[in-house]
Amino acid sequence: MLVVSLITALNNFVAVHQDLLATVIGNCKCSIFAQFQVTAPIAAVLRSLEAAIDSFAFALIHVIPQEARWAIEPQLGTISSDQSALDTAVRNTITVYEEVCVPSALYPIILPVCTSA
């Protein structure tokens, strides 16, 4: 039962963080962060978040006893794919915030121009 709870916790953790990252990327698209040149600090925080997320996911996986891992091998695949999906979402978000942006003198009529470095 504990193993099922751990898997459910990780699934929920992944879903919540993917929603959060989608919101953060959505806000960057409107370019207010780019206009005021605060994308670099946000990218730095996201990189720290990525390390914390990985650490948490690995710790959660290692809480599952070895005997239980054999019994729930299909669910462990789910854990690995969840972790991979979350890593991808975090990396994509960081990539968006690492773009070089030129503020617009006519903001918000004309949005900043951003491009990957």
C-alpha atoms as a PDB file:
ATOM      1  CA  MET A   1       0.000   0.000   0.000  1.00  0.00           C
ATOM      2  CA  LEU A   2       2.879   2.361   0.807  1.00  0.00           C
ATOM      3  CA  VAL A   3       4.365   1.762  -2.622  1.00  0.00           C
ATOM      4  CA  VAL A   4       1.097   2.695  -4.335  1.00  0.00           C
ATOM      5  CA  SER A   5       0.959   5.865  -2.218  1.00  0.00           C
ATOM      6  CA  LEU A   6       4.521   6.761  -3.217  1.00  0.00           C
ATOM      7  CA  ILE A   7       3.759   6.265  -6.896  1.00  0.00           C
ATOM      8  CA  THR A   8       0.582   8.330  -6.581  1.00  0.00           C
ATOM      9  CA  ALA A   9       2.538  11.061  -4.772  1.00  0.00           C
ATOM     10  CA  LEU A  10       5.126  11.193  -7.544  1.00  0.00           C
ATOM     11  CA  ASN A  11       2.445  11.235 -10.253  1.00  0.00           C
ATOM     12  CA  ASN A  12       0.702  14.145  -8.504  1.00  0.00           C
ATOM     13  CA  PHE A  13       4.019  15.930  -7.964  1.00  0.00           C
ATOM     14  CA  VAL A  14       4.799  15.654 -11.672  1.00  0.00           C
ATOM     15  CA  ALA A  15       1.343  16.851 -12.745  1.00  0.00           C
ATOM     16  CA  VAL A  16       1.444  19.896 -10.473  1.00  0.00           C
ATOM     17  CA  HIS A  17       4.937  20.885 -11.589  1.00  0.00           C
ATOM     18  CA  GLN A  18       4.105  20.439 -15.266  1.00  0.00           C
ATOM     19  CA  ASP A  19       1.103  22.755 -14.793  1.00  0.00           C
ATOM     20  CA  LEU A  20       3.313  25.262 -12.977  1.00  0.00           C
ATOM     21  CA  LEU A  21       5.925  25.188 -15.736  1.00  0.00           C
ATOM     22  CA  ALA A  22       3.268  25.564 -18.439  1.00  0.00           C
ATOM     23  CA  THR A  23       2.028  28.668 -16.615  1.00  0.00           C
ATOM     24  CA  VAL A  24       5.549  30.065 -16.294  1.00  0.00           C
ATOM     25  CA  ILE A  25       6.202  29.536 -20.016  1.00  0.00           C
ATOM     26  CA  GLY A  26       2.819  31.060 -20.862  1.00  0.00           C
ATOM     27  CA  ASN A  27       3.713  34.182 -18.889  1.00  0.00           C
ATOM     28  CA  CYS A  28       7.025  34.472 -20.710  1.00  0.00           C
ATOM     29  CA  LYS A  29       5.210  34.413 -24.056  1.00  0.00           C
ATOM     30  CA  CYS A  30       3.493  37.686 -23.105  1.00  0.00           C
ATOM     31  CA  SER A  31       7.025  39.053 -22.674  1.00  0.00           C
ATOM     32  CA  ILE A  32       6.580  41.154 -19.542  1.00  0.00           C
ATOM     33  CA  PHE A  33       9.578  39.397 -18.012  1.00  0.00           C
ATOM     34  CA  ALA A  34      11.586  39.984 -21.165  1.00  0.00           C
ATOM     35  CA  GLN A  35      10.590  43.647 -21.281  1.00  0.00           C
ATOM     36  CA  PHE A  36      12.018  44.237 -17.819  1.00  0.00           C
ATOM     37  CA  GLN A  37      15.011  41.939 -18.395  1.00  0.00           C
ATOM     38  CA  VAL A  38      14.307  39.527 -15.528  1.00  0.00           C
ATOM     39  CA  THR A  39      14.385  36.321 -17.558  1.00  0.00           C
ATOM     40  CA  ALA A  40      17.971  35.447 -16.546  1.00  0.00           C
ATOM     41  CA  PRO A  41      17.213  35.361 -12.794  1.00  0.00           C
ATOM     42  CA  ILE A  42      14.095  33.298 -13.480  1.00  0.00           C
ATOM     43  CA  ALA A  43      16.176  30.824 -15.530  1.00  0.00           C
ATOM     44  CA  ALA A  44      18.634  30.553 -12.619  1.00  0.00           C
ATOM     45  CA  VAL A  45      15.811  29.738 -10.209  1.00  0.00           C
ATOM     46  CA  LEU A  46      14.447  27.165 -12.648  1.00  0.00           C
ATOM     47  CA  ARG A  47      17.867  25.480 -12.854  1.00  0.00           C
ATOM     48  CA  SER A  48      17.886  25.243  -9.034  1.00  0.00           C
ATOM     49  CA  LEU A  49      14.360  23.880  -9.143  1.00  0.00           C
ATOM     50  CA  GLU A  50      15.463  21.240 -11.646  1.00  0.00           C
ATOM     51  CA  ALA A  51      18.135  19.982  -9.226  1.00  0.00           C
ATOM     52  CA  ALA A  52      15.641  19.876  -6.346  1.00  0.00           C
ATOM     53  CA  ILE A  53      13.052  18.035  -8.455  1.00  0.00           C
ATOM     54  CA  ASP A  54      15.598  15.406  -9.514  1.00  0.00           C
ATOM     55  CA  SER A  55      16.773  14.973  -5.945  1.00  0.00           C
ATOM     56  CA  PHE A  56      13.214  14.546  -4.687  1.00  0.00           C
ATOM     57  CA  ALA A  57      12.275  12.055  -7.400  1.00  0.00           C
ATOM     58  CA  PHE A  58      15.387   9.922  -6.795  1.00  0.00           C
ATOM     59  CA  ALA A  59      14.797  10.014  -3.030  1.00  0.00           C
ATOM     60  CA  LEU A  60      11.186   8.945  -3.521  1.00  0.00           C
ATOM     61  CA  ILE A  61      12.220   6.057  -5.758  1.00  0.00           C
ATOM     62  CA  HIS A  62      14.843   4.897  -3.246  1.00  0.00           C
ATOM     63  CA  VAL A  63      12.290   4.845  -0.417  1.00  0.00           C
ATOM     64  CA  ILE A  64      10.622   1.901  -2.141  1.00  0.00           C
ATOM     65  CA  PRO A  65      12.100  -1.322  -0.714  1.00  0.00           C
ATOM     66  CA  GLN A  66      13.978  -3.526  -3.211  1.00  0.00           C
ATOM     67  CA  GLU A  67      11.547  -6.437  -2.732  1.00  0.00           C
ATOM     68  CA  ALA A  68       8.626  -4.168  -3.548  1.00  0.00           C
ATOM     69  CA  ARG A  69      10.403  -2.863  -6.638  1.00  0.00           C
ATOM     70  CA  TRP A  70      10.409  -6.316  -8.191  1.00  0.00           C
ATOM     71  CA  ALA A  71       6.712  -6.726  -7.458  1.00  0.00           C
ATOM     72  CA  ILE A  72       5.780  -3.400  -8.997  1.00  0.00           C
ATOM     73  CA  GLU A  73       8.197  -3.248 -11.916  1.00  0.00           C
ATOM     74  CA  PRO A  74       5.545  -1.882 -14.343  1.00  0.00           C
ATOM     75  CA  GLN A  75       4.775   1.017 -11.981  1.00  0.00           C
ATOM     76  CA  LEU A  76       8.474   1.804 -11.641  1.00  0.00           C
ATOM     77  CA  GLY A  77       8.502   2.362 -15.366  1.00  0.00           C
ATOM     78  CA  THR A  78       5.785   4.922 -14.752  1.00  0.00           C
ATOM     79  CA  ILE A  79       7.977   6.623 -12.156  1.00  0.00           C
ATOM     80  CA  SER A  80      10.897   6.788 -14.586  1.00  0.00           C
ATOM     81  CA  SER A  81       8.726   8.145 -17.380  1.00  0.00           C
ATOM     82  CA  ASP A  82       7.177  10.703 -14.997  1.00  0.00           C
ATOM     83  CA  GLN A  83      10.623  11.851 -13.953  1.00  0.00           C
ATOM     84  CA  SER A  84      11.734  12.046 -17.575  1.00  0.00           C
ATOM     85  CA  ALA A  85       8.645  14.045 -18.567  1.00  0.00           C
ATOM     86  CA  LEU A  86       9.200  16.467 -15.716  1.00  0.00           C
ATOM     87  CA  ASP A  87      12.896  16.852 -16.598  1.00  0.00           C
ATOM     88  CA  THR A  88      11.894  17.653 -20.180  1.00  0.00           C
ATOM     89  CA  ALA A  89       9.317  20.218 -19.049  1.00  0.00           C
ATOM     90  CA  VAL A  90      11.848  21.920 -16.766  1.00  0.00           C
ATOM     91  CA  ARG A  91      14.526  21.981 -19.481  1.00  0.00           C
ATOM     92  CA  ASN A  92      12.053  23.424 -22.008  1.00  0.00           C
ATOM     93  CA  THR A  93      11.067  26.142 -19.549  1.00  0.00           C
ATOM     94  CA  ILE A  94      14.701  26.993 -18.831  1.00  0.00           C
ATOM     95  CA  THR A  95      15.374  27.199 -22.574  1.00  0.00           C
ATOM     96  CA  VAL A  96      12.568  29.726 -22.987  1.00  0.00           C
ATOM     97  CA  TYR A  97      13.905  31.879 -20.155  1.00  0.00           C
ATOM     98  CA  GLU A  98      17.490  31.705 -21.426  1.00  0.00           C
ATOM     99  CA  GLU A  99      16.510  33.423 -24.664  1.00  0.00           C
ATOM    100  CA  VAL A 100      18.152  36.774 -25.338  1.00  0.00           C
ATOM    101  CA  CYS A 101      15.484  39.481 -25.402  1.00  0.00           C
ATOM    102  CA  VAL A 102      15.592  43.069 -26.581  1.00  0.00           C
ATOM    103  CA  PRO A 103      13.074  45.263 -24.755  1.00  0.00           C
ATOM    104  CA  SER A 104      10.643  47.302 -26.828  1.00  0.00           C
ATOM    105  CA  ALA A 105      10.369  51.063 -26.487  1.00  0.00           C
ATOM    106  CA  LEU A 106       6.724  50.702 -27.561  1.00  0.00           C
ATOM    107  CA  TYR A 107       5.803  48.009 -25.019  1.00  0.00           C
ATOM    108  CA  PRO A 108       3.048  46.716 -24.712  1.00  0.00           C
ATOM    109  CA  ILE A 109       1.993  47.654 -28.233  1.00  0.00           C
ATOM    110  CA  ILE A 110       5.120  46.018 -29.630  1.00  0.00           C
ATOM    111  CA  LEU A 111       6.482  43.174 -27.539  1.00  0.00           C
ATOM    112  CA  PRO A 112      10.173  42.508 -26.913  1.00  0.00           C
ATOM    113  CA  VAL A 113      12.004  40.440 -29.504  1.00  0.00           C
ATOM    114  CA  CYS A 114      13.489  37.234 -28.120  1.00  0.00           C
ATOM    115  CA  THR A 115      15.760  34.691 -29.744  1.00  0.00           C
ATOM    116  CA  SER A 116      17.715  31.695 -28.529  1.00  0.00           C
ATOM    117  CA  ALA A 117      21.409  32.362 -28.085  1.00  0.00           C
END
